[in-house]
């Protein structure tokens, strides 16, 4: 059974340490995240980003603690052509980010 987007927003917010952290990461207002949790559905682009974040964070939190995972998501990454993982996720290239996590975990050089 599919998981409701609202539940994914809640889970990602908790993984990131709160609604404000999610809002900062995907560049929306904190009130927007609050509305997603109460009454609104995210637009298609933000829904895809939240779903991708849920997928990536599940794997990333196996490798890093929460604070390090947040830094990793916002830092420039050589395995991603010196792009930030959050920006790559926003373009829909989740598999590239997953490969970068794997490379990070195994200590591969870019």
Protein backbone atom coordinates (compact mmCIF):
# COMPACT_ATOMS: atom_id res chain seq x y z
CA UNK A 1 0.00 0.00 0.00
CA UNK A 2 1.42 3.42 -0.95
CA UNK A 3 2.43 5.74 1.86
CA UNK A 4 0.66 9.12 1.92
CA UNK A 5 2.79 12.12 1.01
CA UNK A 6 1.85 13.71 4.35
CA UNK A 7 3.42 10.73 6.14
CA UNK A 8 6.55 11.07 4.02
CA UNK A 9 6.79 14.78 4.84
CA UNK A 10 6.46 13.90 8.53
CA UNK A 11 9.11 11.17 8.31
CA UNK A 12 11.60 13.30 6.38
CA UNK A 13 11.04 16.20 8.79
CA UNK A 14 11.80 13.92 11.72
CA UNK A 15 14.89 12.48 10.02
CA UNK A 16 16.18 15.98 9.36
CA UNK A 17 15.45 17.25 12.85
CA UNK A 18 12.28 19.23 12.20
CA UNK A 19 10.06 20.97 9.71
CA UNK A 20 12.34 24.01 9.51
CA UNK A 21 15.26 21.82 8.42
CA UNK A 22 13.17 20.28 5.64
CA UNK A 23 11.99 23.73 4.56
CA UNK A 24 15.57 25.04 4.39
CA UNK A 25 16.78 21.99 2.50
CA UNK A 26 14.15 22.20 -0.25
CA UNK A 27 13.93 26.00 -0.23
CA UNK A 28 10.33 26.52 0.85
CA UNK A 29 8.91 28.43 3.79
CA UNK A 30 8.44 26.56 7.09
CA UNK A 31 4.75 27.46 6.92
CA UNK A 32 4.51 25.59 3.62
CA UNK A 33 5.78 22.40 5.29
CA UNK A 34 3.28 22.94 8.11
CA UNK A 35 0.46 23.22 5.58
CA UNK A 36 1.64 20.01 3.89
CA UNK A 37 1.36 18.27 7.24
CA UNK A 38 -2.14 19.62 7.91
CA UNK A 39 -4.23 20.51 4.88
CA UNK A 40 -2.30 20.84 1.62
CA UNK A 41 -0.59 18.45 -0.71
CA UNK A 42 2.81 19.50 -2.06
CA UNK A 43 2.88 20.44 -5.73
CA UNK A 44 4.23 17.75 -8.05
CA UNK A 45 7.83 19.03 -8.00
CA UNK A 46 8.01 19.26 -4.20
CA UNK A 47 6.24 15.92 -3.82
CA UNK A 48 8.90 14.26 -5.98
CA UNK A 49 11.63 16.00 -3.99
CA UNK A 50 10.17 14.84 -0.66
CA UNK A 51 9.83 11.28 -1.96
CA UNK A 52 13.40 11.33 -3.26
CA UNK A 53 14.65 12.74 0.04
CA UNK A 54 12.90 9.98 1.94
CA UNK A 55 14.62 7.37 -0.25
CA UNK A 56 18.06 9.01 -0.07
CA UNK A 57 17.89 9.77 3.66
CA UNK A 58 17.02 6.18 4.48
CA UNK A 59 20.33 5.15 2.93
CA UNK A 60 22.33 8.18 4.03
CA UNK A 61 21.40 7.74 7.70
CA UNK A 62 22.91 4.25 7.54
CA UNK A 63 26.24 5.91 6.78
CA UNK A 64 26.15 9.21 8.71
CA UNK A 65 24.55 10.68 11.81
CA UNK A 66 21.80 13.24 11.17
CA UNK A 67 24.01 16.34 11.40
CA UNK A 68 26.63 14.89 9.06
CA UNK A 69 23.90 13.75 6.66
CA UNK A 70 22.53 17.31 6.49
CA UNK A 71 26.00 18.70 5.83
CA UNK A 72 26.60 16.06 3.17
CA UNK A 73 23.31 16.88 1.42
CA UNK A 74 24.20 20.59 1.23
CA UNK A 75 27.92 20.29 0.51
CA UNK A 76 29.53 20.19 -2.91
CA UNK A 77 30.38 16.63 -3.86
CA UNK A 78 33.15 15.56 -6.24
CA UNK A 79 31.25 12.35 -7.08
CA UNK A 80 28.43 14.54 -8.38
CA UNK A 81 30.57 16.82 -10.51
CA UNK A 82 30.99 19.31 -7.66
CA UNK A 83 27.24 19.71 -7.32
CA UNK A 84 25.29 19.57 -4.08
CA UNK A 85 23.32 16.34 -3.53
CA UNK A 86 20.15 18.30 -2.73
CA UNK A 87 20.42 20.09 -6.08
CA UNK A 88 20.94 16.79 -7.90
CA UNK A 89 17.89 15.33 -6.14
CA UNK A 90 15.84 18.36 -7.21
CA UNK A 91 16.68 17.58 -10.85
CA UNK A 92 15.45 14.01 -10.39
CA UNK A 93 18.84 12.28 -10.49
CA UNK A 94 18.37 10.22 -7.35
CA UNK A 95 20.46 7.33 -8.67
CA UNK A 96 23.48 9.62 -9.02
CA UNK A 97 23.10 10.63 -5.38
CA UNK A 98 22.75 7.00 -4.30
CA UNK A 99 25.95 6.17 -6.21
CA UNK A 100 27.71 9.08 -4.47
CA UNK A 101 26.62 7.74 -1.07
CA UNK A 102 28.00 4.32 -2.02
CA UNK A 103 31.27 5.90 -3.16
CA UNK A 104 31.49 7.86 0.09
CA UNK A 105 30.89 4.75 2.14
CA UNK A 106 33.53 2.72 0.31
CA UNK A 107 36.07 5.54 0.32
CA UNK A 108 36.24 5.81 -3.47
CA UNK A 109 37.94 8.84 -4.94
CA UNK A 110 36.21 11.01 -7.51
